Amino acid sequence: MEITGIISAIVIVIGIVIGVLGRLVVPGRQHIGVLWTIVVGIVAALVGAAIAAGLGVADTNGVDWIEWLIQIGLAAVGVAALDRAMAGRR
């Protein structure tokens, strides 16, 4: 497996975790699919990492809890917004 494949796999797994955690934070049932949850999670992970780096909290000793909270919060906002947008189509 090439390095790009490994990096892609890591990004997708992190996207799944962040997307699922963001979806759990949003109350009620969301009417979006698994693939949309992964996409929202990947985008939230990337944007959240950039925000955390901008705030200077991306690299800490131990677990980067603040970065995780930013990413999960962004995923929750993304899941809620996408759910609302999808509800408007139905």
N, C-alpha and C. Protein backbone atom coordinates (compact mmCIF):
# COMPACT_ATOMS: atom_id res chain seq x y z
N MET A 1 0.85 -1.17 0.00
CA MET A 1 0.00 0.00 0.00
C MET A 1 0.90 1.23 0.00
N GLU A 2 0.55 2.19 -0.84
CA GLU A 2 1.33 3.42 -0.93
C GLU A 2 0.96 4.37 0.20
N ILE A 3 1.80 5.36 0.40
CA ILE A 3 1.57 6.32 1.48
C ILE A 3 0.29 7.11 1.26
N THR A 4 -0.06 7.41 0.01
CA THR A 4 -1.30 8.15 -0.24
C THR A 4 -2.53 7.31 0.14
N GLY A 5 -2.44 6.01 -0.06
CA GLY A 5 -3.53 5.13 0.35
C GLY A 5 -3.69 5.08 1.85
N ILE A 6 -2.57 5.07 2.54
CA ILE A 6 -2.60 5.05 4.00
C ILE A 6 -3.18 6.36 4.53
N ILE A 7 -2.73 7.48 3.97
CA ILE A 7 -3.24 8.78 4.40
C ILE A 7 -4.73 8.90 4.11
N SER A 8 -5.17 8.44 2.95
CA SER A 8 -6.59 8.46 2.61
C SER A 8 -7.41 7.63 3.59
N ALA A 9 -6.90 6.46 3.94
CA ALA A 9 -7.60 5.60 4.90
C ALA A 9 -7.71 6.27 6.26
N ILE A 10 -6.64 6.91 6.69
CA ILE A 10 -6.66 7.61 7.98
C ILE A 10 -7.67 8.75 7.96
N VAL A 11 -7.68 9.53 6.88
CA VAL A 11 -8.63 10.64 6.77
C VAL A 11 -10.06 10.14 6.79
N ILE A 12 -10.34 9.05 6.09
CA ILE A 12 -11.69 8.50 6.06
C ILE A 12 -12.10 7.97 7.43
N VAL A 13 -11.21 7.27 8.11
CA VAL A 13 -11.53 6.75 9.45
C VAL A 13 -11.78 7.89 10.42
N ILE A 14 -10.94 8.91 10.38
CA ILE A 14 -11.15 10.07 11.26
C ILE A 14 -12.47 10.75 10.89
N GLY A 15 -12.76 10.85 9.60
CA GLY A 15 -14.03 11.43 9.16
C GLY A 15 -15.23 10.65 9.67
N ILE A 16 -15.12 9.33 9.66
CA ILE A 16 -16.21 8.50 10.18
C ILE A 16 -16.41 8.77 11.67
N VAL A 17 -15.33 8.77 12.43
CA VAL A 17 -15.42 8.96 13.88
C VAL A 17 -16.00 10.34 14.19
N ILE A 18 -15.45 11.38 13.58
CA ILE A 18 -15.92 12.74 13.84
C ILE A 18 -17.37 12.90 13.38
N GLY A 19 -17.71 12.37 12.22
CA GLY A 19 -19.08 12.46 11.72
C GLY A 19 -20.08 11.77 12.62
N VAL A 20 -19.75 10.58 13.08
CA VAL A 20 -20.66 9.83 13.96
C VAL A 20 -20.81 10.55 15.30
N LEU A 21 -19.71 11.05 15.86
CA LEU A 21 -19.80 11.78 17.13
C LEU A 21 -20.60 13.06 16.96
N GLY A 22 -20.40 13.75 15.85
CA GLY A 22 -21.19 14.95 15.58
C GLY A 22 -22.67 14.63 15.43
N ARG A 23 -22.96 13.50 14.81
CA ARG A 23 -24.35 13.08 14.63
C ARG A 23 -24.99 12.71 15.97
N LEU A 24 -24.20 12.14 16.87
CA LEU A 24 -24.72 11.79 18.20
C LEU A 24 -25.04 13.03 19.04
N VAL A 25 -24.34 14.12 18.78
CA VAL A 25 -24.56 15.34 19.55
C VAL A 25 -25.87 16.01 19.15
N VAL A 26 -26.25 15.89 17.89
CA VAL A 26 -27.47 16.53 17.40
C VAL A 26 -28.68 15.73 17.89
N PRO A 27 -29.61 16.40 18.59
CA PRO A 27 -30.78 15.67 19.10
C PRO A 27 -31.74 15.27 17.98
N GLY A 28 -32.45 14.20 18.20
CA GLY A 28 -33.44 13.74 17.23
C GLY A 28 -32.82 12.85 16.17
N ARG A 29 -33.65 12.52 15.20
CA ARG A 29 -33.20 11.65 14.11
C ARG A 29 -32.83 12.50 12.91
N GLN A 30 -31.68 12.20 12.32
CA GLN A 30 -31.25 12.91 11.13
C GLN A 30 -31.57 12.05 9.90
N HIS A 31 -32.00 12.72 8.86
CA HIS A 31 -32.38 12.01 7.65
C HIS A 31 -31.32 12.18 6.57
N ILE A 32 -30.08 11.91 6.94
CA ILE A 32 -29.00 11.92 5.96
C ILE A 32 -28.33 10.56 5.99
N GLY A 33 -27.70 10.21 4.90
CA GLY A 33 -27.10 8.89 4.79
C GLY A 33 -25.72 8.81 5.42
N VAL A 34 -25.21 7.60 5.41
CA VAL A 34 -23.89 7.32 5.99
C VAL A 34 -22.79 8.06 5.22
N LEU A 35 -22.89 8.08 3.90
CA LEU A 35 -21.86 8.76 3.12
C LEU A 35 -21.82 10.25 3.41
N TRP A 36 -22.99 10.87 3.57
CA TRP A 36 -23.01 12.29 3.93
C TRP A 36 -22.42 12.52 5.31
N THR A 37 -22.67 11.60 6.22
CA THR A 37 -22.09 11.70 7.56
C THR A 37 -20.57 11.66 7.49
N ILE A 38 -20.04 10.77 6.66
CA ILE A 38 -18.58 10.67 6.50
C ILE A 38 -18.02 11.94 5.87
N VAL A 39 -18.70 12.44 4.84
CA VAL A 39 -18.22 13.67 4.18
C VAL A 39 -18.22 14.84 5.16
N VAL A 40 -19.30 14.99 5.92
CA VAL A 40 -19.36 16.06 6.92
C VAL A 40 -18.25 15.87 7.95
N GLY A 41 -18.00 14.64 8.37
CA GLY A 41 -16.95 14.36 9.34
C GLY A 41 -15.56 14.70 8.82
N ILE A 42 -15.30 14.38 7.56
CA ILE A 42 -14.00 14.68 6.97
C ILE A 42 -13.80 16.19 6.88
N VAL A 43 -14.81 16.90 6.40
CA VAL A 43 -14.71 18.35 6.28
C VAL A 43 -14.55 18.98 7.66
N ALA A 44 -15.33 18.51 8.64
CA ALA A 44 -15.23 19.05 9.99
C ALA A 44 -13.86 18.77 10.60
N ALA A 45 -13.30 17.60 10.33
CA ALA A 45 -11.98 17.27 10.86
C ALA A 45 -10.91 18.18 10.28
N LEU A 46 -10.97 18.41 8.97
CA LEU A 46 -9.97 19.26 8.33
C LEU A 46 -10.10 20.72 8.75
N VAL A 47 -11.33 21.24 8.73
CA VAL A 47 -11.56 22.63 9.12
C VAL A 47 -11.27 22.83 10.61
N GLY A 48 -11.68 21.87 11.43
CA GLY A 48 -11.42 21.95 12.86
C GLY A 48 -9.94 21.93 13.19
N ALA A 49 -9.18 21.14 12.46
CA ALA A 49 -7.73 21.11 12.67
C ALA A 49 -7.10 22.45 12.30
N ALA A 50 -7.60 23.06 11.22
CA ALA A 50 -7.08 24.37 10.82
C ALA A 50 -7.43 25.44 11.85
N ILE A 51 -8.64 25.40 12.37
CA ILE A 51 -9.04 26.37 13.40
C ILE A 51 -8.22 26.17 14.66
N ALA A 52 -8.03 24.93 15.07
CA ALA A 52 -7.24 24.65 16.26
C ALA A 52 -5.79 25.12 16.08
N ALA A 53 -5.25 24.92 14.90
CA ALA A 53 -3.89 25.40 14.63
C ALA A 53 -3.84 26.91 14.68
N GLY A 54 -4.87 27.57 14.15
CA GLY A 54 -4.93 29.03 14.20
C GLY A 54 -5.04 29.57 15.61
N LEU A 55 -5.72 28.82 16.47
CA LEU A 55 -5.86 29.23 17.87
C LEU A 55 -4.65 28.82 18.71
N GLY A 56 -3.80 27.98 18.14
CA GLY A 56 -2.61 27.53 18.87
C GLY A 56 -2.85 26.38 19.84
N VAL A 57 -3.93 25.64 19.63
CA VAL A 57 -4.24 24.53 20.54
C VAL A 57 -4.16 23.17 19.84
N ALA A 58 -3.57 23.15 18.64
CA ALA A 58 -3.53 21.90 17.88
C ALA A 58 -2.49 20.93 18.43
N ASP A 59 -1.38 21.43 18.90
CA ASP A 59 -0.30 20.56 19.40
C ASP A 59 -0.10 20.80 20.89
N THR A 60 -0.62 19.86 21.66
CA THR A 60 -0.46 19.95 23.11
C THR A 60 0.18 18.66 23.60
N ASN A 61 0.60 18.65 24.84
CA ASN A 61 1.12 17.41 25.43
C ASN A 61 -0.06 16.52 25.77
N GLY A 62 -0.12 15.36 25.17
CA GLY A 62 -1.22 14.44 25.42
C GLY A 62 -2.28 14.55 24.35
N VAL A 63 -3.51 14.26 24.73
CA VAL A 63 -4.64 14.26 23.80
C VAL A 63 -5.07 15.71 23.54
N ASP A 64 -5.34 16.02 22.30
CA ASP A 64 -5.76 17.37 21.92
C ASP A 64 -7.28 17.49 22.06
N TRP A 65 -7.75 17.60 23.30
CA TRP A 65 -9.18 17.62 23.58
C TRP A 65 -9.87 18.81 22.94
N ILE A 66 -9.24 19.97 22.97
CA ILE A 66 -9.88 21.17 22.42
C ILE A 66 -10.07 21.01 20.91
N GLU A 67 -9.08 20.46 20.24
CA GLU A 67 -9.20 20.23 18.80
C GLU A 67 -10.33 19.26 18.51
N TRP A 68 -10.43 18.19 19.29
CA TRP A 68 -11.52 17.22 19.11
C TRP A 68 -12.88 17.89 19.32
N LEU A 69 -13.00 18.72 20.35
CA LEU A 69 -14.28 19.39 20.62
C LEU A 69 -14.66 20.34 19.49
N ILE A 70 -13.68 21.04 18.94
CA ILE A 70 -13.94 21.92 17.80
C ILE A 70 -14.43 21.09 16.61
N GLN A 71 -13.75 19.99 16.32
CA GLN A 71 -14.12 19.15 15.19
C GLN A 71 -15.51 18.54 15.37
N ILE A 72 -15.80 18.05 16.55
CA ILE A 72 -17.11 17.45 16.81
C ILE A 72 -18.21 18.50 16.75
N GLY A 73 -17.93 19.69 17.28
CA GLY A 73 -18.90 20.78 17.19
C GLY A 73 -19.19 21.17 15.75
N LEU A 74 -18.14 21.26 14.94
CA LEU A 74 -18.34 21.57 13.52
C LEU A 74 -19.11 20.46 12.81
N ALA A 75 -18.84 19.22 13.16
CA ALA A 75 -19.57 18.09 12.56
C ALA A 75 -21.05 18.15 12.95
N ALA A 76 -21.33 18.48 14.21
CA ALA A 76 -22.72 18.59 14.65
C ALA A 76 -23.45 19.69 13.89
N VAL A 77 -22.79 20.83 13.71
CA VAL A 77 -23.39 21.92 12.95
C VAL A 77 -23.60 21.50 11.50
N GLY A 78 -22.62 20.81 10.93
CA GLY A 78 -22.73 20.35 9.55
C GLY A 78 -23.84 19.33 9.36
N VAL A 79 -23.96 18.39 10.30
CA VAL A 79 -25.01 17.37 10.21
C VAL A 79 -26.38 18.04 10.33
N ALA A 80 -26.53 18.96 11.28
CA ALA A 80 -27.82 19.64 11.46
C ALA A 80 -28.17 20.47 10.23
N ALA A 81 -27.19 21.18 9.68
CA ALA A 81 -27.45 22.01 8.49
C ALA A 81 -27.80 21.15 7.29
N LEU A 82 -27.09 20.07 7.10
CA LEU A 82 -27.38 19.19 5.97
C LEU A 82 -28.73 18.51 6.13
N ASP A 83 -29.07 18.13 7.35
CA ASP A 83 -30.37 17.52 7.61
C ASP A 83 -31.49 18.51 7.28
N ARG A 84 -31.30 19.74 7.69
CA ARG A 84 -32.31 20.77 7.40
C ARG A 84 -32.42 21.03 5.90
N ALA A 85 -31.27 21.06 5.21
CA ALA A 85 -31.29 21.27 3.76
C ALA A 85 -31.97 20.11 3.04
N MET A 86 -31.72 18.89 3.51
CA MET A 86 -32.34 17.71 2.89
C MET A 86 -33.85 17.69 3.18
N ALA A 87 -34.26 18.18 4.36
CA ALA A 87 -35.67 18.18 4.70
C ALA A 87 -36.43 19.15 3.81
N GLY A 88 -35.76 20.22 3.38
CA GLY A 88 -36.40 21.18 2.48
C GLY A 88 -36.66 20.60 1.10
N ARG A 89 -35.90 19.60 0.71
CA ARG A 89 -36.09 18.97 -0.60
C ARG A 89 -37.26 18.00 -0.61
N ARG A 90 -37.59 17.45 0.56
CA ARG A 90 -38.65 16.44 0.61
C ARG A 90 -40.00 17.05 0.60
